[in-house]
């Protein structure tokens, strides 16, 4: 099984990014897991400009399938005194499959100091907790999971997750990798029936310039309040092991059934 760290280590630099290979164990269906694509895109964006401030926001479009050999490029759109906007694209033989706009911005002095982010009351898994690992040959095999099932809605997930191989990863790359690890929330509405779903867009706002956690555990949530005409809108969030919210997001999901 090839880890994200190994994928990045084997990547071949180019003038505008790098080329890499997406192995079968990072696929979900016929395309790469969205968190992996986002990690590759962010890695290229971080190398596009020197001394970038912290990542603050990502706007992602999952355009088409990505698998096998891919080319990741990063382009500076604008860098001002405070913020840098960098576009990252990923292409394969099938063409453009992924595009992201990353916004990097340094902390600014402000009279406003508001924090109403709800802390997570759940404790991360203990060392002897029986968590589960996804099946080999599928992207979930790169993670360890522990579901929380009490008090959830009919279209809501709450799950502890961590990468099995994470040592040395950039913290922002790790958060982007793990932030999309839940199934779409609307999937729960189908019960045991299999229905294809596909993420279309993903917006992520980072709430801290340096996300950290303990023992690699992050608490993920995805919740849908609207699903109709083959499309679901869901909100998402990530907390660290201390219950501090580190990211908020929103995703549009296509439902084929």
Protein backbone atom coordinates (compact mmCIF):
# COMPACT_ATOMS: atom_id res chain seq x y z
CA UNK A 1 0.00 0.00 0.00
CA UNK A 2 1.41 3.38 -1.06
CA UNK A 3 1.10 6.23 1.43
CA UNK A 4 0.69 9.92 0.70
CA UNK A 5 4.21 10.51 2.01
CA UNK A 6 5.54 7.99 -0.53
CA UNK A 7 3.54 9.57 -3.37
CA UNK A 8 5.02 12.99 -2.60
CA UNK A 9 8.53 11.58 -2.20
CA UNK A 10 8.34 9.91 -5.62
CA UNK A 11 6.92 12.97 -7.39
CA UNK A 12 9.07 14.40 -10.20
CA UNK A 13 9.44 18.22 -10.14
CA UNK A 14 8.47 20.29 -13.17
CA UNK A 15 8.76 24.02 -13.86
CA UNK A 16 5.21 24.62 -12.66
CA UNK A 17 4.65 21.80 -10.17
CA UNK A 18 5.28 18.08 -10.40
CA UNK A 19 4.16 14.79 -11.90
CA UNK A 20 3.01 11.94 -9.70
CA UNK A 21 1.23 8.60 -9.80
CA UNK A 22 -2.06 7.97 -8.02
CA UNK A 23 -2.04 4.30 -6.97
CA UNK A 24 -5.11 2.08 -6.83
CA UNK A 25 -5.25 2.17 -3.03
CA UNK A 26 -6.11 5.91 -3.17
CA UNK A 27 -9.05 5.55 -5.56
CA UNK A 28 -12.76 5.82 -4.84
CA UNK A 29 -14.36 4.21 -7.83
CA UNK A 30 -12.65 5.39 -11.00
CA UNK A 31 -11.17 8.57 -9.58
CA UNK A 32 -8.79 9.64 -6.86
CA UNK A 33 -10.09 10.31 -3.38
CA UNK A 34 -10.81 14.04 -3.17
CA UNK A 35 -8.68 14.56 -0.08
CA UNK A 36 -5.66 13.09 -1.85
CA UNK A 37 -6.17 15.32 -4.89
CA UNK A 38 -6.47 18.32 -2.57
CA UNK A 39 -3.29 17.33 -0.73
CA UNK A 40 -1.36 17.09 -4.01
CA UNK A 41 -2.75 20.41 -5.22
CA UNK A 42 -1.91 22.17 -1.96
CA UNK A 43 1.60 20.72 -1.96
CA UNK A 44 2.18 22.23 -5.40
CA UNK A 45 0.66 25.55 -4.36
CA UNK A 46 2.91 25.79 -1.32
CA UNK A 47 5.97 25.45 -3.56
CA UNK A 48 4.72 28.00 -6.09
CA UNK A 49 5.71 31.00 -3.97
CA UNK A 50 8.33 31.37 -1.27
CA UNK A 51 7.41 32.42 2.29
CA UNK A 52 3.68 32.00 1.86
CA UNK A 53 1.50 32.97 4.83
CA UNK A 54 -0.84 30.32 6.32
CA UNK A 55 -3.59 28.75 4.22
CA UNK A 56 -6.94 30.35 4.98
CA UNK A 57 -9.36 29.04 2.37
CA UNK A 58 -9.69 26.54 -0.46
CA UNK A 59 -12.30 26.46 -3.21
CA UNK A 60 -12.26 23.09 -4.96
CA UNK A 61 -13.93 21.73 -8.07
CA UNK A 62 -13.90 17.99 -8.81
CA UNK A 63 -14.13 18.20 -12.59
CA UNK A 64 -13.38 14.70 -13.85
CA UNK A 65 -11.74 11.36 -13.07
CA UNK A 66 -8.09 11.21 -11.99
CA UNK A 67 -6.05 8.03 -11.76
CA UNK A 68 -2.60 6.74 -12.64
CA UNK A 69 -0.06 9.30 -13.87
CA UNK A 70 -1.09 12.91 -13.23
CA UNK A 71 0.43 16.35 -13.67
CA UNK A 72 -0.04 18.89 -10.88
CA UNK A 73 0.52 22.56 -11.69
CA UNK A 74 0.33 25.71 -9.56
CA UNK A 75 -0.06 29.26 -10.84
CA UNK A 76 0.16 32.49 -8.86
CA UNK A 77 -2.86 34.60 -9.73
CA UNK A 78 -2.06 37.48 -7.42
CA UNK A 79 0.05 38.18 -4.37
CA UNK A 80 -0.59 41.40 -2.52
CA UNK A 81 0.68 42.74 0.75
CA UNK A 82 -1.64 40.50 2.78
CA UNK A 83 -2.97 37.64 0.67
CA UNK A 84 -1.81 35.31 -2.08
CA UNK A 85 -4.18 33.58 -4.51
CA UNK A 86 -2.80 30.44 -6.14
CA UNK A 87 -4.59 28.15 -8.58
CA UNK A 88 -3.73 24.46 -8.72
CA UNK A 89 -4.79 22.11 -11.50
CA UNK A 90 -4.46 18.34 -11.81
CA UNK A 91 -4.65 16.68 -15.21
CA UNK A 92 -4.39 13.10 -16.44
CA UNK A 93 -4.80 11.37 -19.79
CA UNK A 94 -8.51 12.09 -19.49
CA UNK A 95 -7.85 15.84 -19.25
CA UNK A 96 -8.45 18.35 -16.47
CA UNK A 97 -9.82 16.55 -13.42
CA UNK A 98 -9.33 18.98 -10.55
CA UNK A 99 -8.99 22.70 -9.96
CA UNK A 100 -8.54 24.55 -6.69
CA UNK A 101 -8.13 28.16 -5.65
CA UNK A 102 -6.03 28.45 -2.50
CA UNK A 103 -5.96 31.66 -0.49
CA UNK A 104 -3.02 32.24 1.83
CA UNK A 105 -3.21 35.15 4.27
CA UNK A 106 -1.22 36.28 7.27
CA UNK A 107 -2.97 37.25 10.54
CA UNK A 108 -4.11 40.88 10.59
CA UNK A 109 -4.64 43.31 13.44
CA UNK A 110 -8.36 43.72 14.04
CA UNK A 111 -10.77 45.05 16.65
CA UNK A 112 -13.00 42.05 15.91
CA UNK A 113 -12.45 38.92 17.99
CA UNK A 114 -15.36 36.49 17.61
CA UNK A 115 -15.23 32.75 18.25
CA UNK A 116 -18.58 30.95 18.45
CA UNK A 117 -17.23 27.74 16.98
CA UNK A 118 -18.79 24.87 18.91
CA UNK A 119 -16.12 22.78 20.64
CA UNK A 120 -16.34 19.01 20.35
CA UNK A 121 -17.32 17.34 23.61
CA UNK A 122 -16.20 13.88 22.48
CA UNK A 123 -12.88 12.44 23.56
CA UNK A 124 -10.55 10.86 20.98
CA UNK A 125 -10.09 7.07 20.98
CA UNK A 126 -7.97 5.61 23.74
CA UNK A 127 -4.89 3.57 22.84
CA UNK A 128 -6.76 0.30 23.41
CA UNK A 129 -9.93 1.34 21.55
CA UNK A 130 -11.01 -0.98 18.74
CA UNK A 131 -11.08 1.34 15.74
CA UNK A 132 -11.42 0.01 12.20
CA UNK A 133 -9.41 0.34 9.00
CA UNK A 134 -10.95 0.63 5.58
CA UNK A 135 -10.49 -2.17 3.03
CA UNK A 136 -7.20 -2.50 1.19
CA UNK A 137 -7.35 -1.35 -2.43
CA UNK A 138 -9.71 1.52 -1.58
CA UNK A 139 -8.78 4.97 -0.30
CA UNK A 140 -10.26 4.30 3.15
CA UNK A 141 -7.53 1.69 3.71
CA UNK A 142 -5.16 4.61 4.34
CA UNK A 143 -7.14 5.67 7.43
CA UNK A 144 -8.18 4.46 10.87
CA UNK A 145 -11.75 5.31 11.91
CA UNK A 146 -14.07 5.27 14.91
CA UNK A 147 -17.74 6.14 14.36
CA UNK A 148 -19.82 8.14 16.80
CA UNK A 149 -23.49 7.15 16.43
CA UNK A 150 -25.41 8.69 19.30
CA UNK A 151 -27.73 11.64 18.70
CA UNK A 152 -27.13 11.99 14.97
CA UNK A 153 -29.62 13.01 12.32
CA UNK A 154 -30.70 10.77 9.44
CA UNK A 155 -28.26 12.51 7.07
CA UNK A 156 -25.34 13.14 9.38
CA UNK A 157 -21.93 11.55 10.03
CA UNK A 158 -19.63 12.01 13.00
CA UNK A 159 -16.38 10.07 12.90
CA UNK A 160 -12.87 10.11 14.35
CA UNK A 161 -10.25 9.60 11.66
CA UNK A 162 -6.50 9.60 11.29
CA UNK A 163 -4.01 8.79 8.56
CA UNK A 164 -2.14 5.53 9.12
CA UNK A 165 1.08 7.05 7.72
CA UNK A 166 1.36 10.74 8.59
CA UNK A 167 4.77 11.44 10.14
CA UNK A 168 6.43 14.43 8.47
CA UNK A 169 3.36 15.68 6.61
CA UNK A 170 2.75 19.41 6.47
CA UNK A 171 -0.15 20.13 8.92
CA UNK A 172 -2.29 21.86 6.29
CA UNK A 173 -1.71 19.05 3.80
CA UNK A 174 -2.78 16.57 6.49
CA UNK A 175 -5.99 18.51 7.23
CA UNK A 176 -6.88 18.74 3.53
CA UNK A 177 -6.19 15.02 3.14
CA UNK A 178 -8.42 14.01 6.01
CA UNK A 179 -11.13 16.66 5.67
CA UNK A 180 -13.00 14.78 2.91
CA UNK A 181 -12.72 11.30 4.43
CA UNK A 182 -16.43 10.94 5.29
CA UNK A 183 -18.99 9.54 2.86
CA UNK A 184 -21.51 12.11 1.61
CA UNK A 185 -24.10 12.75 4.31
CA UNK A 186 -27.01 12.02 1.95
CA UNK A 187 -25.75 8.45 1.53
CA UNK A 188 -27.26 7.57 4.91
CA UNK A 189 -30.74 8.28 3.53
CA UNK A 190 -30.48 5.24 1.24
CA UNK A 191 -29.96 2.72 4.03
CA UNK A 192 -28.37 -0.45 2.68
CA UNK A 193 -29.08 0.40 -0.96
CA UNK A 194 -26.06 1.33 -3.09
CA UNK A 195 -26.44 4.59 -4.96
CA UNK A 196 -23.54 6.35 -6.74
CA UNK A 197 -22.69 9.78 -5.35
CA UNK A 198 -19.98 12.21 -6.42
CA UNK A 199 -18.64 15.40 -4.85
CA UNK A 200 -18.85 18.37 -7.21
CA UNK A 201 -17.39 21.25 -5.22
CA UNK A 202 -15.81 21.73 -1.81
CA UNK A 203 -15.18 24.96 0.07
CA UNK A 204 -12.91 24.81 3.12
CA UNK A 205 -12.11 27.63 5.54
CA UNK A 206 -9.20 27.07 7.93
CA UNK A 207 -9.74 28.52 11.41
CA UNK A 208 -6.16 28.32 12.62
CA UNK A 209 -2.83 29.06 10.92
CA UNK A 210 -1.20 25.95 12.40
CA UNK A 211 -3.57 22.99 12.95
CA UNK A 212 -2.34 20.41 15.44
CA UNK A 213 -3.80 17.38 17.17
CA UNK A 214 -2.81 14.46 19.40
CA UNK A 215 -1.95 10.99 18.07
CA UNK A 216 -3.17 11.99 14.62
CA UNK A 217 -6.89 11.96 15.54
CA UNK A 218 -9.32 14.43 13.96
CA UNK A 219 -13.09 14.49 14.47
CA UNK A 220 -15.05 14.91 11.24
CA UNK A 221 -18.67 15.76 10.65
CA UNK A 222 -20.83 16.04 7.54
CA UNK A 223 -24.51 16.98 7.62
CA UNK A 224 -27.05 17.52 4.86
CA UNK A 225 -30.24 19.52 5.38
CA UNK A 226 -31.24 19.54 1.71
CA UNK A 227 -31.15 16.87 -0.99
CA UNK A 228 -33.38 17.10 -4.03
CA UNK A 229 -33.27 16.68 -7.80
CA UNK A 230 -30.04 14.70 -7.64
CA UNK A 231 -28.05 17.21 -5.63
CA UNK A 232 -27.25 17.48 -1.93
CA UNK A 233 -25.80 20.45 -0.06
CA UNK A 234 -23.85 19.56 3.08
CA UNK A 235 -21.92 21.36 5.79
CA UNK A 236 -18.69 19.92 7.19
CA UNK A 237 -16.25 20.56 10.03
CA UNK A 238 -13.01 19.25 11.53
CA UNK A 239 -11.99 19.35 15.20
CA UNK A 240 -8.70 18.32 16.77
CA UNK A 241 -8.33 15.88 19.65
CA UNK A 242 -8.73 18.72 22.18
CA UNK A 243 -12.15 19.63 20.78
CA UNK A 244 -10.94 22.79 18.99
CA UNK A 245 -12.56 23.37 15.62
CA UNK A 246 -9.85 23.82 12.99
CA UNK A 247 -11.85 23.91 9.74
CA UNK A 248 -15.33 24.47 8.41
CA UNK A 249 -16.59 23.57 4.97
CA UNK A 250 -19.45 23.08 2.56
CA UNK A 251 -19.84 20.62 -0.28
CA UNK A 252 -22.15 20.04 -3.21
CA UNK A 253 -22.77 16.37 -3.97
CA UNK A 254 -24.37 14.79 -7.05
CA UNK A 255 -26.72 11.84 -6.42
CA UNK A 256 -27.24 9.36 -9.27
CA UNK A 257 -30.31 7.53 -8.08
